[in-house]
Amino acid sequence: MAASTRIPFRQLLGRALRLRCPVCGDGRLFRGYLKMNDVCPDCGYVHAREGGYWLGAMYVNYGVVVAVSMAAHLVMTDSFQVPVTIQMAVLVPGAAALVLLFAPWARALWLALDLMFDPPKQEDHQRAVDRAKLVVNEDGEPVERT
């Protein structure tokens, strides 16, 4: 069985909030606001560990948006007695905007949660070494080093 490299959750969380590679802490996860690097530009770690990997990030994003929306609803209802129609006029567009605003952090948090429960294994590092033979082009895609 391959040895795992466990990274402390506080460190993973800090790297996720800074949108940095969870393994090395240096490489940027994103090259644009919603454009994620396939591999870490510094250590070569492959971020998506399998097909459909980012589906969990959608659940993280959904959970945060629902929690914020419910908290806002409770505050508007209990503290300020805001009518439901006005609440809907504020909360629906606000939730839609929050989905887009929080998307990069949802992916980073999902990556941190996944690595907390399933730390990188030696095979993951070997994939990183194999990927080191590649470079990341301006579109964030790995291409053969020439």
C-alpha atoms as a PDB file:
ATOM      1  CA  MET A   1       0.000   0.000   0.000  1.00  0.00           C
ATOM      2  CA  ALA A   2       1.323   3.434  -0.895  1.00  0.00           C
ATOM      3  CA  ALA A   3       2.128   5.896   1.841  1.00  0.00           C
ATOM      4  CA  SER A   4      -0.068   8.971   2.196  1.00  0.00           C
ATOM      5  CA  THR A   5       1.053  12.486   2.897  1.00  0.00           C
ATOM      6  CA  ARG A   6      -1.485  13.919   5.347  1.00  0.00           C
ATOM      7  CA  ILE A   7      -1.702  17.703   5.282  1.00  0.00           C
ATOM      8  CA  PRO A   8      -3.222  19.328   8.407  1.00  0.00           C
ATOM      9  CA  PHE A   9      -6.762  20.585   7.823  1.00  0.00           C
ATOM     10  CA  ARG A  10      -5.938  24.117   9.032  1.00  0.00           C
ATOM     11  CA  GLN A  11      -3.246  24.306   6.387  1.00  0.00           C
ATOM     12  CA  LEU A  12      -5.590  22.933   3.718  1.00  0.00           C
ATOM     13  CA  LEU A  13      -8.282  25.419   4.732  1.00  0.00           C
ATOM     14  CA  GLY A  14      -5.856  28.353   4.668  1.00  0.00           C
ATOM     15  CA  ARG A  15      -4.618  27.384   1.224  1.00  0.00           C
ATOM     16  CA  ALA A  16      -8.195  26.981  -0.021  1.00  0.00           C
ATOM     17  CA  LEU A  17      -9.222  30.420   1.234  1.00  0.00           C
ATOM     18  CA  ARG A  18      -6.182  31.925  -0.510  1.00  0.00           C
ATOM     19  CA  LEU A  19      -7.032  29.897  -3.669  1.00  0.00           C
ATOM     20  CA  ARG A  20      -3.636  28.163  -3.648  1.00  0.00           C
ATOM     21  CA  CYS A  21      -2.612  24.600  -4.433  1.00  0.00           C
ATOM     22  CA  PRO A  22      -3.533  22.412  -1.448  1.00  0.00           C
ATOM     23  CA  VAL A  23      -0.378  20.314  -1.822  1.00  0.00           C
ATOM     24  CA  CYS A  24       2.416  22.893  -2.179  1.00  0.00           C
ATOM     25  CA  GLY A  25       0.610  26.061  -1.068  1.00  0.00           C
ATOM     26  CA  ASP A  26       2.344  28.154  -3.726  1.00  0.00           C
ATOM     27  CA  GLY A  27       0.683  27.525  -7.085  1.00  0.00           C
ATOM     28  CA  ARG A  28      -2.461  29.408  -8.004  1.00  0.00           C
ATOM     29  CA  LEU A  29      -5.582  27.281  -8.470  1.00  0.00           C
ATOM     30  CA  PHE A  30      -7.088  29.738 -10.964  1.00  0.00           C
ATOM     31  CA  ARG A  31      -5.629  31.578 -13.960  1.00  0.00           C
ATOM     32  CA  GLY A  32      -8.796  33.674 -14.308  1.00  0.00           C
ATOM     33  CA  TYR A  33     -11.862  34.231 -12.165  1.00  0.00           C
ATOM     34  CA  LEU A  34     -13.624  31.003 -13.177  1.00  0.00           C
ATOM     35  CA  LYS A  35     -10.796  29.381 -15.199  1.00  0.00           C
ATOM     36  CA  MET A  36      -9.066  26.756 -13.112  1.00  0.00           C
ATOM     37  CA  ASN A  37      -5.613  25.342 -13.826  1.00  0.00           C
ATOM     38  CA  ASP A  38      -5.723  21.605 -14.549  1.00  0.00           C
ATOM     39  CA  VAL A  39      -2.394  21.162 -12.792  1.00  0.00           C
ATOM     40  CA  CYS A  40      -0.515  23.247 -10.242  1.00  0.00           C
ATOM     41  CA  PRO A  41       1.919  25.505 -12.104  1.00  0.00           C
ATOM     42  CA  ASP A  42       4.473  25.054  -9.274  1.00  0.00           C
ATOM     43  CA  CYS A  43       4.377  21.401  -8.175  1.00  0.00           C
ATOM     44  CA  GLY A  44       2.464  19.804 -11.066  1.00  0.00           C
ATOM     45  CA  TYR A  45      -0.225  18.276  -8.839  1.00  0.00           C
ATOM     46  CA  VAL A  46      -3.294  17.263 -10.848  1.00  0.00           C
ATOM     47  CA  HIS A  47      -6.275  18.971  -9.212  1.00  0.00           C
ATOM     48  CA  ALA A  48      -9.128  16.912 -10.665  1.00  0.00           C
ATOM     49  CA  ARG A  49      -8.433  13.420  -9.331  1.00  0.00           C
ATOM     50  CA  GLU A  50     -11.089  11.692 -11.460  1.00  0.00           C
ATOM     51  CA  GLY A  51     -13.877  12.343 -13.932  1.00  0.00           C
ATOM     52  CA  GLY A  52     -16.778  14.292 -12.406  1.00  0.00           C
ATOM     53  CA  TYR A  53     -14.548  15.408  -9.548  1.00  0.00           C
ATOM     54  CA  TRP A  54     -15.962  18.935  -9.308  1.00  0.00           C
ATOM     55  CA  LEU A  55     -19.533  17.771  -8.720  1.00  0.00           C
ATOM     56  CA  GLY A  56     -18.844  17.926  -4.986  1.00  0.00           C
ATOM     57  CA  ALA A  57     -17.872  21.605  -5.311  1.00  0.00           C
ATOM     58  CA  MET A  58     -21.389  22.297  -6.576  1.00  0.00           C
ATOM     59  CA  TYR A  59     -22.773  20.836  -3.348  1.00  0.00           C
ATOM     60  CA  VAL A  60     -20.426  22.999  -1.267  1.00  0.00           C
ATOM     61  CA  ASN A  61     -21.509  26.075  -3.225  1.00  0.00           C
ATOM     62  CA  TYR A  62     -25.187  25.145  -2.911  1.00  0.00           C
ATOM     63  CA  GLY A  63     -24.878  24.609   0.845  1.00  0.00           C
ATOM     64  CA  VAL A  64     -23.228  27.976   1.410  1.00  0.00           C
ATOM     65  CA  VAL A  65     -25.753  29.831  -0.741  1.00  0.00           C
ATOM     66  CA  VAL A  66     -28.704  28.149   1.014  1.00  0.00           C
ATOM     67  CA  ALA A  67     -27.250  28.867   4.470  1.00  0.00           C
ATOM     68  CA  VAL A  68     -26.628  32.543   3.659  1.00  0.00           C
ATOM     69  CA  SER A  69     -30.066  32.919   2.049  1.00  0.00           C
ATOM     70  CA  MET A  70     -31.837  31.265   4.988  1.00  0.00           C
ATOM     71  CA  ALA A  71     -29.958  33.448   7.479  1.00  0.00           C
ATOM     72  CA  ALA A  72     -30.859  36.574   5.499  1.00  0.00           C
ATOM     73  CA  HIS A  73     -34.507  35.444   5.323  1.00  0.00           C
ATOM     74  CA  LEU A  74     -34.656  34.886   9.090  1.00  0.00           C
ATOM     75  CA  VAL A  75     -33.087  38.266   9.820  1.00  0.00           C
ATOM     76  CA  MET A  76     -35.448  40.051   7.412  1.00  0.00           C
ATOM     77  CA  THR A  77     -38.486  38.236   8.812  1.00  0.00           C
ATOM     78  CA  ASP A  78     -37.785  38.273  12.531  1.00  0.00           C
ATOM     79  CA  SER A  79     -35.857  41.502  12.995  1.00  0.00           C
ATOM     80  CA  PHE A  80     -37.271  43.805  10.336  1.00  0.00           C
ATOM     81  CA  GLN A  81     -40.662  42.260   9.355  1.00  0.00           C
ATOM     82  CA  VAL A  82     -39.863  42.688   5.636  1.00  0.00           C
ATOM     83  CA  PRO A  83     -42.747  41.494   3.394  1.00  0.00           C
ATOM     84  CA  VAL A  84     -42.177  38.228   1.553  1.00  0.00           C
ATOM     85  CA  THR A  85     -42.404  39.852  -1.899  1.00  0.00           C
ATOM     86  CA  ILE A  86     -39.566  42.224  -1.064  1.00  0.00           C
ATOM     87  CA  GLN A  87     -37.571  39.371   0.436  1.00  0.00           C
ATOM     88  CA  MET A  88     -37.951  37.414  -2.798  1.00  0.00           C
ATOM     89  CA  ALA A  89     -36.941  40.451  -4.842  1.00  0.00           C
ATOM     90  CA  VAL A  90     -33.751  40.691  -2.791  1.00  0.00           C
ATOM     91  CA  LEU A  91     -32.927  37.054  -2.028  1.00  0.00           C
ATOM     92  CA  VAL A  92     -33.421  35.437  -5.442  1.00  0.00           C
ATOM     93  CA  PRO A  93     -31.012  37.715  -7.358  1.00  0.00           C
ATOM     94  CA  GLY A  94     -28.715  37.779  -4.323  1.00  0.00           C
ATOM     95  CA  ALA A  95     -28.517  33.983  -4.249  1.00  0.00           C
ATOM     96  CA  ALA A  96     -27.849  33.852  -8.001  1.00  0.00           C
ATOM     97  CA  ALA A  97     -25.029  36.362  -7.612  1.00  0.00           C
ATOM     98  CA  LEU A  98     -23.600  34.528  -4.603  1.00  0.00           C
ATOM     99  CA  VAL A  99     -23.421  31.290  -6.602  1.00  0.00           C
ATOM    100  CA  LEU A 100     -21.092  32.977  -9.083  1.00  0.00           C
ATOM    101  CA  LEU A 101     -19.135  34.949  -6.493  1.00  0.00           C
ATOM    102  CA  PHE A 102     -18.433  31.931  -4.279  1.00  0.00           C
ATOM    103  CA  ALA A 103     -17.672  29.430  -7.096  1.00  0.00           C
ATOM    104  CA  PRO A 104     -13.834  29.609  -6.911  1.00  0.00           C
ATOM    105  CA  TRP A 105     -13.822  29.152  -3.128  1.00  0.00           C
ATOM    106  CA  ALA A 106     -16.314  26.271  -3.394  1.00  0.00           C
ATOM    107  CA  ARG A 107     -13.898  24.417  -5.672  1.00  0.00           C
ATOM    108  CA  ALA A 108     -10.948  25.186  -3.416  1.00  0.00           C
ATOM    109  CA  LEU A 109     -12.863  24.067  -0.308  1.00  0.00           C
ATOM    110  CA  TRP A 110     -13.980  20.883  -2.041  1.00  0.00           C
ATOM    111  CA  LEU A 111     -10.378  20.119  -2.941  1.00  0.00           C
ATOM    112  CA  ALA A 112      -9.326  20.740   0.688  1.00  0.00           C
ATOM    113  CA  LEU A 113     -12.127  18.517   2.060  1.00  0.00           C
ATOM    114  CA  ASP A 114     -11.275  15.746  -0.364  1.00  0.00           C
ATOM    115  CA  LEU A 115      -7.580  15.845   0.524  1.00  0.00           C
ATOM    116  CA  MET A 116      -8.430  15.858   4.227  1.00  0.00           C
ATOM    117  CA  PHE A 117     -10.378  12.585   3.925  1.00  0.00           C
ATOM    118  CA  ASP A 118      -8.268  11.074   1.127  1.00  0.00           C
ATOM    119  CA  PRO A 119      -4.735  12.496   1.387  1.00  0.00           C
ATOM    120  CA  PRO A 120      -2.486  12.502  -1.668  1.00  0.00           C
ATOM    121  CA  LYS A 121      -0.875   9.116  -2.191  1.00  0.00           C
ATOM    122  CA  GLN A 122       2.462   8.205  -3.726  1.00  0.00           C
ATOM    123  CA  GLU A 123       0.685   7.527  -7.037  1.00  0.00           C
ATOM    124  CA  ASP A 124      -0.622  11.097  -7.031  1.00  0.00           C
ATOM    125  CA  HIS A 125       2.918  12.361  -6.604  1.00  0.00           C
ATOM    126  CA  GLN A 126       4.119  10.066  -9.379  1.00  0.00           C
ATOM    127  CA  ARG A 127       1.451  11.556 -11.624  1.00  0.00           C
ATOM    128  CA  ALA A 128       2.841  14.958 -10.615  1.00  0.00           C
ATOM    129  CA  VAL A 129       6.362  13.840 -11.571  1.00  0.00           C
ATOM    130  CA  ASP A 130       5.038  12.549 -14.885  1.00  0.00           C
ATOM    131  CA  ARG A 131       3.200  15.840 -15.355  1.00  0.00           C
ATOM    132  CA  ALA A 132       6.436  17.719 -14.615  1.00  0.00           C
ATOM    133  CA  LYS A 133       7.488  16.625 -18.081  1.00  0.00           C
ATOM    134  CA  LEU A 134       4.633  18.839 -19.267  1.00  0.00           C
ATOM    135  CA  VAL A 135       4.218  22.587 -19.155  1.00  0.00           C
ATOM    136  CA  VAL A 136       1.015  24.548 -18.743  1.00  0.00           C
ATOM    137  CA  ASN A 137       0.138  26.739 -21.727  1.00  0.00           C
ATOM    138  CA  GLU A 138      -1.691  30.061 -21.546  1.00  0.00           C
ATOM    139  CA  ASP A 139      -5.029  28.212 -21.574  1.00  0.00           C
ATOM    140  CA  GLY A 140      -3.992  26.228 -18.487  1.00  0.00           C
ATOM    141  CA  GLU A 141      -3.796  22.960 -20.424  1.00  0.00           C
ATOM    142  CA  PRO A 142      -0.798  20.623 -20.071  1.00  0.00           C
ATOM    143  CA  VAL A 143       1.369  20.301 -23.206  1.00  0.00           C
ATOM    144  CA  GLU A 144       4.647  18.422 -23.860  1.00  0.00           C
ATOM    145  CA  ARG A 145       7.776  20.305 -22.811  1.00  0.00           C
ATOM    146  CA  THR A 146       9.964  20.990 -25.854  1.00  0.00           C
END
